[in-house]
Amino acid sequence: MSLRVAGSIATSALRTNEVGMAVASANVANAGTEGYTRKTAKPTTSDTAVGFTGVEVAGIGSTVDRYLMTSLVAAQSGLGLSRTVSDYLDRFQERLGATTSASSLGSVIDTLGETLATLATSPESGSAKAAAMDDLTAVAETLRSTAKAVQELRGEADRAVADTVTRINGTLDTLKDLNDRIQTGKALGQDTGDLEDQRNTALKSLAGDIDIRYQTDANGMVRVSTSSGTSLLDSAVHRLSYTPATTVGAGTSFNPITIDGKDVAGSVSSGTLGGLIQVRDTDLPAQQARLDELALTLKDTLNALHNQGTAVPPPNALTGSAGVAGSDALNGNGTLRVAVTAADGTAVEVLDLDLSAYATVQDAVDAIDAMGSLSAHLDAQGRLVIQADDAANGVALGGDGTAGADGKGFSARFGLNDLLTGTGAADLRVSDAIARDSGRLATGALSTSVTLAAGGSALSAGEGSVAQALKTAFSGAQSFDTAGGLSGRSGTFSQYAGAIIQGAATAASRAATAYEDQDSYASGLESTMASQSGVNVNEETAAISNLQSAYQAAAAVMKAVQEMFDTALNLVR
């Protein structure tokens, strides 16, 4: 071996060890940097062309397992989904209130039931009526506030959708920039390991927000699409676009989430974005549907009972809540008793109508209007108004007459004596007239005596049949339809409220468990990745020590070769 070849081999060894020490030192320096993976200098043999080989660095490589990386990226989508769903459902069940809380939905319903039981024993008591109205108002307010909480959370989720879309677009821009830098670096033969680490971190961040698929081409460029195949990043960024709703209510239709004009909201199944869409469009509306079922069953049941009765003394006028047309078919059956009474309940005028004798609504209205001491008409909104001519008198309805295809009582058909108004939980309220004057609460019914006539006793303050019926409505079972995934059932109002609360708690618990499981899975993958690709400072320190020793050995060889050169030159001289 010539001295020149020996020197060349020693020099290459020095360079290789220098690079190795630099890489190991960089590993130690970046041991705490998020997303950084251990780099290694890849030595390779070089031919000296005279039968001997040297060593050189072929490149600096990463230790990342690409299959493990793919699994880790996918796990972030499930983590983003489960974290988001768990957060929103947990906050909703907290808003519902604990089952034992005095302000919970079930508790206020129980309190109302107890108050109505007291009213049933003293139907003439003004304080008992006032207490019943206070507690019924509390039930309506609790339903409204709970429904409001649902819509507030949906509105929050919708605004978060817009924020997440903005974040996704920012991450895509970062990935595009890293793609360009990595491609340029590879073309120039530069080490791109750190840039690839940054890109992997960005991919995990993107996957946490939206479920993705990705692949790396031969030029080092990562191409990204949604899990359904819509391109997010190729040679250009395909940005998402979304405009949140101005206000959010039960009937809000949300804007599409688009990529290149294509609505992709329905195909986003995971990540934070998928979780937000799920709670906004599925989970929270299901809770709203359950609240609405309770509110409407409560309203329909109480209104049907309240319309069978009358306050004592009765109001001067009854105004319906339902809009109708005079030409509508009456579909009447049975007998309707209309009475005008004095303040003490004495009948001023009584009329019994066979409702089957009238074809249309207007026919029945005209028959009532024909009474001498009251007037009846349909107002501009199509509401039936019956009013005593004398302001000192009142109007009361009774009998077993029904109207309409569904067989509702006549008063209930037109909403003449409704106790509750509203289209669902969000707007359930005690009727204005009764809210202003609890004395208008109907506790008894008009006399059914076949001989009742002017001068007779039409109403008695102690008659409490309706108060008793209201009490029974809360202690007895009601029929509830399937709503929001909660199966149809028979039970008390309180039991159904308990089912709503328990259902929300169960959903929150399941979501929390799903999040914990997904977090554990993702953390396990992170630990495996760290074990395979992370920096072990002790190992790197040991590697640096070994490289230093090898460097010193190569330096010693280089020194010996230099001395031999010097000796040979001196001999020539």
Protein backbone atom coordinates (compact mmCIF):
# COMPACT_ATOMS: atom_id res chain seq x y z
CA MET A 1 0.00 0.00 0.00
CA SER A 2 1.43 3.41 -0.95
CA LEU A 3 1.65 6.22 1.60
CA ARG A 4 -0.72 8.27 -0.54
CA VAL A 5 -3.40 5.55 -0.39
CA ALA A 6 -2.90 5.15 3.37
CA GLY A 7 -3.24 8.91 3.83
CA SER A 8 -6.37 8.96 1.73
CA ILE A 9 -7.93 6.17 3.80
CA ALA A 10 -7.04 7.94 7.06
CA THR A 11 -8.42 11.24 5.77
CA SER A 12 -11.73 9.67 4.79
CA ALA A 13 -11.92 8.05 8.21
CA LEU A 14 -11.39 11.45 9.84
CA ARG A 15 -14.14 13.03 7.75
CA THR A 16 -16.55 10.16 8.41
CA ASN A 17 -15.98 10.33 12.16
CA GLU A 18 -16.33 14.12 12.13
CA VAL A 19 -19.74 13.83 10.42
CA GLY A 20 -20.78 11.05 12.79
CA MET A 21 -19.88 13.16 15.84
CA ALA A 22 -21.70 16.17 14.40
CA VAL A 23 -24.86 14.11 13.79
CA ALA A 24 -24.71 12.55 17.27
CA SER A 25 -24.16 15.97 18.85
CA ALA A 26 -27.17 17.32 16.95
CA ASN A 27 -29.22 14.40 18.26
CA VAL A 28 -28.27 15.25 21.84
CA ALA A 29 -28.97 18.95 21.29
CA ASN A 30 -32.45 18.21 19.89
CA ALA A 31 -33.38 15.45 22.32
CA GLY A 32 -36.16 17.65 23.77
CA THR A 33 -37.40 19.05 20.46
CA GLU A 34 -40.95 17.92 19.65
CA GLY A 35 -41.12 15.75 16.56
CA TYR A 36 -37.36 15.40 16.23
CA THR A 37 -36.16 11.91 15.34
CA ARG A 38 -32.72 10.39 15.72
CA LYS A 39 -30.45 10.89 12.70
CA THR A 40 -27.60 8.61 11.69
CA ALA A 41 -24.64 9.10 9.39
CA LYS A 42 -24.63 6.27 6.88
CA PRO A 43 -21.01 5.18 6.20
CA THR A 44 -20.13 3.34 3.02
CA THR A 45 -16.95 1.94 1.55
CA SER A 46 -15.08 3.72 -1.20
CA ASP A 47 -12.71 2.13 -3.69
CA THR A 48 -9.16 3.50 -3.80
CA ALA A 49 -8.70 1.86 -7.22
CA VAL A 50 -5.60 -0.01 -6.08
CA GLY A 51 -7.23 -2.88 -4.26
CA PHE A 52 -7.96 -1.14 -0.97
CA THR A 53 -11.13 0.49 0.35
CA GLY A 54 -11.79 3.61 2.34
CA VAL A 55 -14.89 4.94 4.07
CA GLU A 56 -17.14 7.89 3.44
CA VAL A 57 -20.60 9.17 4.46
CA ALA A 58 -23.25 8.23 1.92
CA GLY A 59 -25.85 10.40 3.61
CA ILE A 60 -27.64 11.22 6.82
CA GLY A 61 -30.66 9.07 7.41
CA SER A 62 -33.66 9.01 9.71
CA THR A 63 -34.81 6.07 11.77
CA VAL A 64 -38.55 6.67 11.25
CA ASP A 65 -40.62 3.57 10.48
CA ARG A 66 -42.98 4.78 7.77
CA TYR A 67 -45.64 2.17 8.58
CA LEU A 68 -45.61 3.15 12.24
CA MET A 69 -45.78 6.79 11.19
CA THR A 70 -48.86 6.07 9.07
CA SER A 71 -50.57 4.44 12.05
CA LEU A 72 -49.62 7.33 14.31
CA VAL A 73 -51.01 9.90 11.89
CA ALA A 74 -54.27 7.95 11.58
CA ALA A 75 -54.54 7.71 15.37
CA GLN A 76 -54.54 11.51 15.63
CA SER A 77 -57.81 11.66 13.69
CA GLY A 78 -59.55 9.35 16.13
CA LEU A 79 -58.07 11.32 19.00
CA GLY A 80 -59.35 14.64 17.61
CA LEU A 81 -62.83 13.17 17.08
CA SER A 82 -63.17 11.52 20.49
CA ARG A 83 -61.72 14.50 22.39
CA THR A 84 -64.17 16.90 20.74
CA VAL A 85 -67.26 14.76 21.21
CA SER A 86 -66.35 14.03 24.84
CA ASP A 87 -65.83 17.71 25.60
CA TYR A 88 -69.19 18.86 24.22
CA LEU A 89 -71.28 16.03 25.65
CA ASP A 90 -69.68 16.43 29.05
CA ARG A 91 -70.48 20.13 29.10
CA PHE A 92 -74.07 19.48 28.05
CA GLN A 93 -74.74 16.93 30.76
CA GLU A 94 -73.31 19.38 33.28
CA ARG A 95 -75.79 22.00 32.04
CA LEU A 96 -78.64 19.52 32.51
CA GLY A 97 -77.75 19.31 36.18
CA ALA A 98 -77.20 16.36 38.43
CA THR A 99 -80.23 14.15 38.99
CA THR A 100 -80.30 15.08 42.68
CA SER A 101 -79.92 18.82 42.12
CA ALA A 102 -82.88 20.96 43.22
CA SER A 103 -82.67 22.85 39.93
CA SER A 104 -82.46 19.80 37.68
CA LEU A 105 -85.22 19.09 35.20
CA GLY A 106 -86.48 16.08 37.12
CA SER A 107 -86.47 17.96 40.42
CA VAL A 108 -88.54 20.92 39.21
CA ILE A 109 -91.07 18.52 37.68
CA ASP A 110 -91.30 16.62 40.97
CA THR A 111 -91.82 19.89 42.81
CA LEU A 112 -94.64 20.86 40.44
CA GLY A 113 -96.28 17.48 40.96
CA GLU A 114 -96.22 17.99 44.73
CA THR A 115 -97.69 21.49 44.38
CA LEU A 116 -100.51 20.22 42.17
CA ALA A 117 -101.26 17.55 44.76
CA THR A 118 -101.70 20.32 47.31
CA LEU A 119 -103.90 22.28 44.89
CA ALA A 120 -106.11 19.23 44.40
CA THR A 121 -106.94 19.29 48.12
CA SER A 122 -107.68 23.05 48.12
CA PRO A 123 -108.79 23.99 44.58
CA GLU A 124 -110.28 27.26 45.80
CA SER A 125 -107.01 28.43 47.41
CA GLY A 126 -105.49 31.47 45.74
CA SER A 127 -102.07 30.77 47.29
CA ALA A 128 -102.16 27.17 46.07
CA LYS A 129 -102.94 28.38 42.55
CA ALA A 130 -100.10 30.93 42.70
CA ALA A 131 -97.65 28.28 43.92
CA ALA A 132 -98.70 25.93 41.11
CA MET A 133 -98.16 28.64 38.53
CA ASP A 134 -94.74 29.52 39.99
CA ASP A 135 -93.65 25.90 39.79
CA LEU A 136 -95.08 25.38 36.30
CA THR A 137 -93.23 28.52 35.22
CA ALA A 138 -90.04 27.03 36.71
CA VAL A 139 -90.51 23.84 34.69
CA ALA A 140 -91.01 25.84 31.47
CA GLU A 141 -88.00 28.03 32.25
CA THR A 142 -85.83 24.98 32.94
CA LEU A 143 -86.82 23.41 29.64
CA ARG A 144 -86.16 26.68 27.82
CA SER A 145 -82.77 27.19 29.46
CA THR A 146 -81.75 23.60 28.72
CA ALA A 147 -82.82 23.93 25.09
CA LYS A 148 -80.91 27.21 24.97
CA ALA A 149 -77.83 25.41 26.25
CA VAL A 150 -78.16 22.90 23.40
CA GLN A 151 -78.29 25.65 20.81
CA GLU A 152 -75.49 27.64 22.44
CA LEU A 153 -73.25 24.57 22.29
CA ARG A 154 -74.26 23.99 18.66
CA GLY A 155 -73.43 27.62 17.89
CA GLU A 156 -70.09 27.24 19.63
CA ALA A 157 -69.39 24.08 17.63
CA ASP A 158 -70.30 25.87 14.41
CA ARG A 159 -67.88 28.71 15.15
CA ALA A 160 -65.26 26.11 16.03
CA VAL A 161 -65.82 24.51 12.61
CA ALA A 162 -64.80 27.81 11.01
CA ASP A 163 -61.74 28.08 13.29
CA THR A 164 -60.75 24.49 12.52
CA VAL A 165 -61.09 25.09 8.78
CA THR A 166 -58.77 28.08 9.12
CA ARG A 167 -56.27 25.97 11.07
CA ILE A 168 -56.43 23.17 8.49
CA ASN A 169 -55.68 25.65 5.71
CA GLY A 170 -52.72 26.99 7.66
CA THR A 171 -51.34 23.49 8.16
CA LEU A 172 -51.74 22.74 4.45
CA ASP A 173 -49.76 25.90 3.64
CA THR A 174 -47.02 24.73 6.02
CA LEU A 175 -46.94 21.31 4.35
CA LYS A 176 -46.72 22.91 0.91
CA ASP A 177 -43.76 25.02 2.03
CA LEU A 178 -42.00 21.99 3.55
CA ASN A 179 -42.67 19.95 0.40
CA ASP A 180 -40.99 22.60 -1.72
CA ARG A 181 -37.97 22.88 0.58
CA ILE A 182 -37.55 19.11 0.83
CA GLN A 183 -37.75 18.63 -2.94
CA THR A 184 -35.18 21.37 -3.49
CA GLY A 185 -32.89 19.96 -0.80
CA LYS A 186 -33.02 16.46 -2.22
CA ALA A 187 -32.29 17.75 -5.70
CA LEU A 188 -29.17 19.48 -4.33
CA GLY A 189 -28.09 16.42 -2.37
CA GLN A 190 -28.69 18.12 0.98
CA ASP A 191 -29.79 16.48 4.22
CA THR A 192 -33.58 16.99 4.59
CA GLY A 193 -34.14 14.91 7.73
CA ASP A 194 -35.06 17.85 9.97
CA LEU A 195 -37.48 19.18 7.37
CA GLU A 196 -39.07 15.75 7.09
CA ASP A 197 -39.50 15.69 10.88
CA GLN A 198 -41.29 19.03 10.68
CA ARG A 199 -43.47 17.70 7.91
CA ASN A 200 -44.38 14.60 9.93
CA THR A 201 -45.35 16.84 12.83
CA ALA A 202 -47.52 18.91 10.49
CA LEU A 203 -49.14 15.75 9.13
CA LYS A 204 -50.05 14.65 12.66
CA SER A 205 -51.48 18.08 13.36
CA LEU A 206 -53.52 17.98 10.15
CA ALA A 207 -54.80 14.49 10.90
CA GLY A 208 -55.90 15.67 14.34
CA ASP A 209 -58.22 18.12 12.61
CA ILE A 210 -59.44 16.06 9.65
CA ASP A 211 -59.14 12.42 8.61
CA ILE A 212 -56.57 12.13 5.83
CA ARG A 213 -54.62 9.77 3.61
CA TYR A 214 -51.12 10.61 2.41
CA GLN A 215 -48.28 9.20 0.34
CA THR A 216 -44.75 10.32 -0.53
CA ASP A 217 -43.66 10.26 -4.16
CA ALA A 218 -40.18 9.55 -5.58
CA ASN A 219 -39.27 13.24 -5.47
CA GLY A 220 -39.96 13.49 -1.76
CA MET A 221 -43.28 15.33 -2.10
CA VAL A 222 -46.13 14.33 0.20
CA ARG A 223 -49.57 14.24 -1.39
CA VAL A 224 -52.55 14.52 0.96
CA SER A 225 -56.25 13.85 0.48
CA THR A 226 -59.27 13.43 2.73
CA SER A 227 -60.11 9.86 3.68
CA SER A 228 -62.88 10.00 1.08
CA GLY A 229 -60.39 10.89 -1.66
CA THR A 230 -60.76 14.65 -2.11
CA SER A 231 -57.33 16.18 -2.73
CA LEU A 232 -56.01 18.57 -0.09
CA LEU A 233 -52.39 18.90 -1.21
CA ASP A 234 -50.58 17.94 -4.40
CA SER A 235 -48.59 20.46 -6.39
CA ALA A 236 -50.94 23.06 -4.90
CA VAL A 237 -53.03 23.54 -1.76
CA HIS A 238 -56.75 22.84 -2.08
CA ARG A 239 -58.17 25.04 0.63
CA LEU A 240 -61.32 24.46 2.63
CA SER A 241 -63.96 27.17 2.80
CA TYR A 242 -66.66 27.70 5.42
CA THR A 243 -68.88 30.52 6.65
CA PRO A 244 -70.45 29.97 10.09
CA ALA A 245 -74.13 30.64 10.73
CA THR A 246 -75.04 34.07 12.08
CA THR A 247 -77.43 32.59 14.65
CA VAL A 248 -78.10 28.98 15.60
CA GLY A 249 -81.47 27.51 16.48
CA ALA A 250 -83.20 24.15 16.22
CA GLY A 251 -84.11 24.80 12.58
CA THR A 252 -80.79 26.28 11.41
CA SER A 253 -79.45 24.98 8.09
CA PHE A 254 -75.67 25.23 8.11
CA ASN A 255 -73.52 26.29 5.18
CA PRO A 256 -71.50 23.67 3.28
CA ILE A 257 -67.82 23.05 3.89
CA THR A 258 -66.29 23.15 0.44
CA ILE A 259 -63.06 22.19 -1.28
CA ASP A 260 -62.80 23.55 -4.82
CA GLY A 261 -66.55 24.18 -4.69
CA LYS A 262 -67.41 20.63 -3.60
CA ASP A 263 -69.32 20.14 -0.33
CA VAL A 264 -67.31 17.69 1.79
CA ALA A 265 -69.03 18.12 5.17
CA GLY A 266 -70.87 14.81 4.85
CA SER A 267 -67.68 12.87 4.13
CA VAL A 268 -65.60 14.22 7.04
CA SER A 269 -65.82 11.38 9.53
CA SER A 270 -63.04 11.99 12.01
CA GLY A 271 -60.63 14.51 13.47
CA THR A 272 -61.68 17.63 15.35
CA LEU A 273 -63.68 18.79 12.33
CA GLY A 274 -65.58 15.51 12.17
CA GLY A 275 -66.27 15.68 15.90
CA LEU A 276 -67.62 19.22 15.64
CA ILE A 277 -69.91 18.29 12.77
CA GLN A 278 -71.11 15.24 14.71
CA VAL A 279 -72.01 17.10 17.90
CA ARG A 280 -73.51 20.04 15.98
CA ASP A 281 -75.62 18.00 13.56
CA THR A 282 -76.30 14.71 15.38
CA ASP A 283 -75.51 14.44 19.08
CA LEU A 284 -76.87 17.76 20.32
CA PRO A 285 -79.98 17.74 18.06
CA ALA A 286 -80.77 14.31 19.55
CA GLN A 287 -80.77 15.89 23.01
CA GLN A 288 -82.99 18.70 21.70
CA ALA A 289 -85.44 16.15 20.29
CA ARG A 290 -85.74 14.48 23.71
CA LEU A 291 -86.39 17.81 25.41
CA ASP A 292 -88.98 18.67 22.76
CA GLU A 293 -90.76 15.34 23.29
CA LEU A 294 -91.01 16.05 27.02
CA ALA A 295 -92.11 19.65 26.46
CA LEU A 296 -94.77 18.82 23.87
CA THR A 297 -96.15 15.85 25.81
CA LEU A 298 -96.35 18.07 28.88
CA LYS A 299 -98.03 20.85 26.91
CA ASP A 300 -100.54 18.61 25.12
CA THR A 301 -101.47 16.72 28.29
CA LEU A 302 -101.94 19.77 30.48
CA ASN A 303 -103.72 21.77 27.79
CA ALA A 304 -106.16 18.94 27.14
CA LEU A 305 -107.02 18.82 30.84
CA HIS A 306 -107.07 22.57 31.36
CA ASN A 307 -109.40 23.08 28.40
CA GLN A 308 -111.92 20.76 30.11
CA GLY A 309 -112.19 23.18 33.00
CA THR A 310 -112.68 26.78 33.91
CA ALA A 311 -111.44 29.30 36.40
CA VAL A 312 -113.77 30.46 39.18
CA PRO A 313 -114.86 33.13 38.46
CA PRO A 314 -114.45 32.55 34.71
CA PRO A 315 -112.72 35.12 32.48
CA ASN A 316 -114.76 37.68 30.58
CA ALA A 317 -113.31 36.44 27.28
CA LEU A 318 -111.72 33.29 25.89
CA THR A 319 -109.30 33.73 22.97
CA GLY A 320 -108.04 30.70 21.10
CA SER A 321 -104.40 29.99 20.26
CA ALA A 322 -105.04 28.02 17.05
CA GLY A 323 -105.54 29.81 13.74
CA VAL A 324 -108.40 28.38 11.68
CA ALA A 325 -110.58 29.33 8.73
CA GLY A 326 -114.35 29.58 8.95
CA SER A 327 -114.67 27.20 6.02
CA ASP A 328 -112.69 24.45 7.76
CA ALA A 329 -114.66 21.28 8.44
CA LEU A 330 -115.69 21.13 12.09
CA ASN A 331 -115.79 17.31 12.36
CA GLY A 332 -117.78 17.77 15.55
CA ASN A 333 -119.32 15.22 17.88
CA GLY A 334 -120.95 15.28 21.29
CA THR A 335 -122.32 18.22 23.23
CA LEU A 336 -120.69 21.59 23.85
CA ARG A 337 -122.04 23.57 26.80
CA VAL A 338 -121.49 27.33 26.68
CA ALA A 339 -122.36 29.32 29.79
CA VAL A 340 -122.27 32.97 30.71
CA THR A 341 -122.01 33.34 34.48
CA ALA A 342 -121.88 36.03 37.11
CA ALA A 343 -118.80 36.39 39.30
CA ASP A 344 -120.31 34.10 41.97
CA GLY A 345 -120.85 31.28 39.45
CA THR A 346 -124.55 31.82 38.90
CA ALA A 347 -125.63 31.07 35.35
CA VAL A 348 -126.74 34.05 33.28
CA GLU A 349 -127.33 32.08 30.07
CA VAL A 350 -126.65 28.43 29.12
CA LEU A 351 -126.59 26.86 25.66
CA ASP A 352 -125.97 23.17 24.80
CA LEU A 353 -124.89 22.57 21.19
CA ASP A 354 -124.92 19.23 19.35
CA LEU A 355 -121.64 19.67 17.46
CA SER A 356 -122.48 16.98 14.93
CA ALA A 357 -125.11 19.36 13.57
CA TYR A 358 -122.54 21.86 12.26
CA ALA A 359 -120.53 21.25 9.11
CA THR A 360 -117.98 24.03 9.34
CA VAL A 361 -116.17 26.03 11.99
CA GLN A 362 -118.13 29.13 11.01
CA ASP A 363 -121.40 27.27 11.50
CA ALA A 364 -120.46 26.53 15.12
CA VAL A 365 -119.17 30.07 15.69
CA ASP A 366 -122.46 31.50 14.40
CA ALA A 367 -124.44 29.21 16.70
CA ILE A 368 -122.46 30.41 19.74
CA ASP A 369 -122.69 34.02 18.60
CA ALA A 370 -126.48 33.69 18.51
CA MET A 371 -126.53 33.66 22.32
CA GLY A 372 -127.94 36.88 23.74
CA SER A 373 -125.31 37.64 26.37
CA LEU A 374 -122.09 37.01 24.49
CA SER A 375 -120.46 37.37 21.07
CA ALA A 376 -118.26 34.94 19.11
CA HIS A 377 -116.12 35.50 16.04
CA LEU A 378 -112.86 34.59 14.32
CA ASP A 379 -110.34 37.42 14.60
CA ALA A 380 -107.86 38.55 11.92
CA GLN A 381 -105.47 35.71 12.89
CA GLY A 382 -108.20 33.10 12.62
CA ARG A 383 -108.46 32.68 16.41
CA LEU A 384 -111.85 31.98 17.96
CA VAL A 385 -112.89 34.69 20.43
CA ILE A 386 -115.86 34.24 22.78
CA GLN A 387 -116.65 37.23 25.03
CA ALA A 388 -119.42 38.04 27.48
CA ASP A 389 -121.22 41.28 26.65
CA ASP A 390 -121.26 42.42 30.27
CA ALA A 391 -117.76 43.09 31.64
CA ALA A 392 -118.88 41.77 35.03
CA ASN A 393 -119.73 38.36 33.59
CA GLY A 394 -117.54 35.49 32.44
CA VAL A 395 -117.56 32.70 29.84
CA ALA A 396 -117.15 29.00 30.64
CA LEU A 397 -117.20 25.94 28.39
CA GLY A 398 -118.00 22.35 29.26
CA GLY A 399 -119.55 19.18 27.97
CA ASP A 400 -118.07 16.26 26.08
CA GLY A 401 -118.05 17.87 22.65
CA THR A 402 -115.10 17.21 20.31
CA ALA A 403 -113.96 18.92 17.13
CA GLY A 404 -111.40 18.03 14.49
CA ALA A 405 -110.24 14.78 12.94
CA ASP A 406 -108.08 13.97 15.97
CA GLY A 407 -111.07 14.03 18.34
CA LYS A 408 -109.81 16.82 20.59
CA GLY A 409 -112.22 18.52 22.93
CA PHE A 410 -113.83 21.61 21.42
CA SER A 411 -111.99 24.05 23.69
CA ALA A 412 -108.67 22.23 23.17
CA ARG A 413 -109.20 22.18 19.38
CA PHE A 414 -109.23 25.97 19.32
CA GLY A 415 -106.89 26.47 22.29
CA LEU A 416 -109.47 28.56 24.14
CA ASN A 417 -108.15 27.76 27.60
CA ASP A 418 -104.56 26.60 27.02
CA LEU A 419 -102.26 26.43 30.02
CA LEU A 420 -99.01 26.23 28.04
CA THR A 421 -97.89 27.62 24.70
CA GLY A 422 -94.92 26.86 22.47
CA THR A 423 -93.68 24.64 19.68
CA GLY A 424 -91.09 22.78 21.77
CA ALA A 425 -88.73 23.09 24.71
CA ALA A 426 -87.12 26.25 23.34
CA ASP A 427 -90.26 28.41 23.65
CA LEU A 428 -92.47 26.59 26.17
CA ARG A 429 -94.25 29.12 28.39
CA VAL A 430 -97.24 29.49 30.65
CA SER A 431 -100.05 31.21 28.74
CA ASP A 432 -99.76 34.97 29.15
CA ALA A 433 -103.20 35.51 30.66
CA ILE A 434 -102.64 32.85 33.34
CA ALA A 435 -99.05 33.96 33.97
CA ARG A 436 -100.39 37.46 34.72
CA ASP A 437 -103.24 36.21 36.90
CA SER A 438 -102.93 32.81 38.58
CA GLY A 439 -106.61 33.14 39.47
CA ARG A 440 -107.33 32.14 35.87
CA LEU A 441 -105.97 28.66 36.53
CA ALA A 442 -108.80 26.23 35.85
CA THR A 443 -109.32 23.92 38.83
CA GLY A 444 -112.94 22.90 38.35
CA ALA A 445 -115.44 22.24 35.58
CA LEU A 446 -118.74 23.71 34.45
CA SER A 447 -121.77 21.97 35.93
CA THR A 448 -123.00 19.01 33.88
CA SER A 449 -126.53 19.13 35.31
CA VAL A 450 -129.07 18.59 32.57
CA THR A 451 -131.39 21.04 34.28
CA LEU A 452 -128.87 23.87 34.50
CA ALA A 453 -130.48 27.14 33.41
CA ALA A 454 -130.21 30.86 34.08
CA GLY A 455 -130.15 31.49 37.81
CA GLY A 456 -128.74 28.05 38.61
CA SER A 457 -125.29 27.31 40.04
CA ALA A 458 -122.98 26.81 37.06
CA LEU A 459 -119.69 26.95 38.97
CA SER A 460 -118.54 26.14 42.46
CA ALA A 461 -115.22 27.38 43.92
CA GLY A 462 -114.73 24.10 45.74
CA GLU A 463 -115.22 21.94 42.64
CA GLY A 464 -111.74 20.54 41.93
CA SER A 465 -112.10 17.88 39.24
CA VAL A 466 -109.60 19.57 36.92
CA ALA A 467 -107.11 20.18 39.74
CA GLN A 468 -107.40 16.48 40.59
CA ALA A 469 -106.84 15.57 36.92
CA LEU A 470 -103.74 17.78 36.78
CA LYS A 471 -102.38 16.07 39.89
CA THR A 472 -103.06 12.64 38.38
CA ALA A 473 -101.28 13.66 35.16
CA PHE A 474 -98.06 14.02 37.15
CA SER A 475 -98.42 10.89 39.26
CA GLY A 476 -99.63 8.67 36.41
CA ALA A 477 -97.90 7.33 33.32
CA GLN A 478 -97.81 9.22 30.03
CA SER A 479 -96.93 7.90 26.59
CA PHE A 480 -93.73 9.23 25.04
CA ASP A 481 -92.68 8.65 21.43
CA THR A 482 -89.17 7.69 20.32
CA ALA A 483 -87.08 10.85 20.16
CA GLY A 484 -83.38 11.51 19.64
CA GLY A 485 -82.47 7.86 20.01
CA LEU A 486 -84.40 7.55 23.29
CA SER A 487 -86.90 4.74 22.78
CA GLY A 488 -90.62 5.28 23.13
CA ARG A 489 -91.91 4.48 26.59
CA SER A 490 -94.62 4.88 29.17
CA GLY A 491 -93.80 6.70 32.39
CA THR A 492 -94.30 9.81 34.45
CA PHE A 493 -93.01 13.20 33.39
CA SER A 494 -90.40 12.94 36.10
CA GLN A 495 -89.28 9.51 34.92
CA TYR A 496 -88.91 10.73 31.35
CA ALA A 497 -86.92 13.73 32.55
CA GLY A 498 -84.73 11.31 34.47
CA ALA A 499 -84.26 9.26 31.30
CA ILE A 500 -83.12 12.40 29.46
CA ILE A 501 -80.63 13.23 32.20
CA GLN A 502 -79.40 9.65 32.45
CA GLY A 503 -79.15 9.40 28.67
CA ALA A 504 -77.02 12.52 28.50
CA ALA A 505 -74.80 11.25 31.33
CA THR A 506 -74.42 7.87 29.63
CA ALA A 507 -73.54 9.48 26.31
CA ALA A 508 -70.97 11.70 28.03
CA SER A 509 -69.50 8.71 29.89
CA ARG A 510 -69.20 6.64 26.73
CA ALA A 511 -67.59 9.53 24.90
CA ALA A 512 -65.12 10.01 27.76
CA THR A 513 -64.25 6.30 27.68
CA ALA A 514 -63.78 6.41 23.91
CA TYR A 515 -61.47 9.40 24.33
CA GLU A 516 -59.46 7.69 27.05
CA ASP A 517 -59.11 4.54 24.92
CA GLN A 518 -58.05 6.51 21.85
CA ASP A 519 -55.64 8.63 23.87
CA SER A 520 -54.09 5.47 25.32
CA TYR A 521 -53.76 3.97 21.84
CA ALA A 522 -52.19 7.11 20.38
CA SER A 523 -49.87 7.45 23.37
CA GLY A 524 -48.79 3.83 22.90
CA LEU A 525 -47.89 4.52 19.29
CA GLU A 526 -46.02 7.67 20.35
CA SER A 527 -44.05 5.63 22.89
CA THR A 528 -43.20 3.01 20.28
CA MET A 529 -42.14 5.74 17.88
CA ALA A 530 -40.01 7.38 20.58
CA SER A 531 -38.42 4.02 21.38
CA GLN A 532 -37.59 3.35 17.75
CA SER A 533 -36.85 6.83 16.49
CA GLY A 534 -36.33 9.06 19.50
CA VAL A 535 -33.03 10.23 20.91
CA ASN A 536 -31.46 8.33 23.82
CA VAL A 537 -28.97 10.80 25.23
CA ASN A 538 -26.92 8.10 26.95
CA GLU A 539 -26.61 6.10 23.75
CA GLU A 540 -25.69 9.18 21.75
CA THR A 541 -23.09 10.20 24.33
CA ALA A 542 -21.57 6.73 24.16
CA ALA A 543 -21.58 6.91 20.36
CA ILE A 544 -19.80 10.27 20.47
CA SER A 545 -17.15 8.76 22.78
CA ASN A 546 -16.62 5.84 20.40
CA LEU A 547 -16.40 8.16 17.42
CA GLN A 548 -13.90 10.30 19.25
CA SER A 549 -11.75 7.24 19.85
CA ALA A 550 -12.02 6.25 16.20
CA TYR A 551 -11.19 9.82 15.21
CA GLN A 552 -8.10 9.76 17.43
CA ALA A 553 -7.03 6.43 15.91
CA ALA A 554 -7.45 7.80 12.39
CA ALA A 555 -5.55 10.91 13.43
CA ALA A 556 -2.74 8.71 14.78
CA VAL A 557 -2.59 6.86 11.48
CA MET A 558 -2.54 10.19 9.66
CA LYS A 559 0.32 11.37 11.88
CA ALA A 560 2.28 8.18 11.22
CA VAL A 561 1.77 8.52 7.50
CA GLN A 562 2.91 12.13 7.68
CA GLU A 563 6.05 11.11 9.58
CA MET A 564 6.77 8.44 7.01
CA PHE A 565 6.35 11.02 4.24
CA ASP A 566 8.75 13.33 6.01
CA THR A 567 11.29 10.51 6.46
CA ALA A 568 11.07 9.56 2.79
CA LEU A 569 11.56 13.17 1.71
CA ASN A 570 14.61 13.54 3.93
CA LEU A 571 16.15 10.38 2.39
CA VAL A 572 15.60 11.79 -1.10
CA ARG A 573 17.34 15.01 -0.13
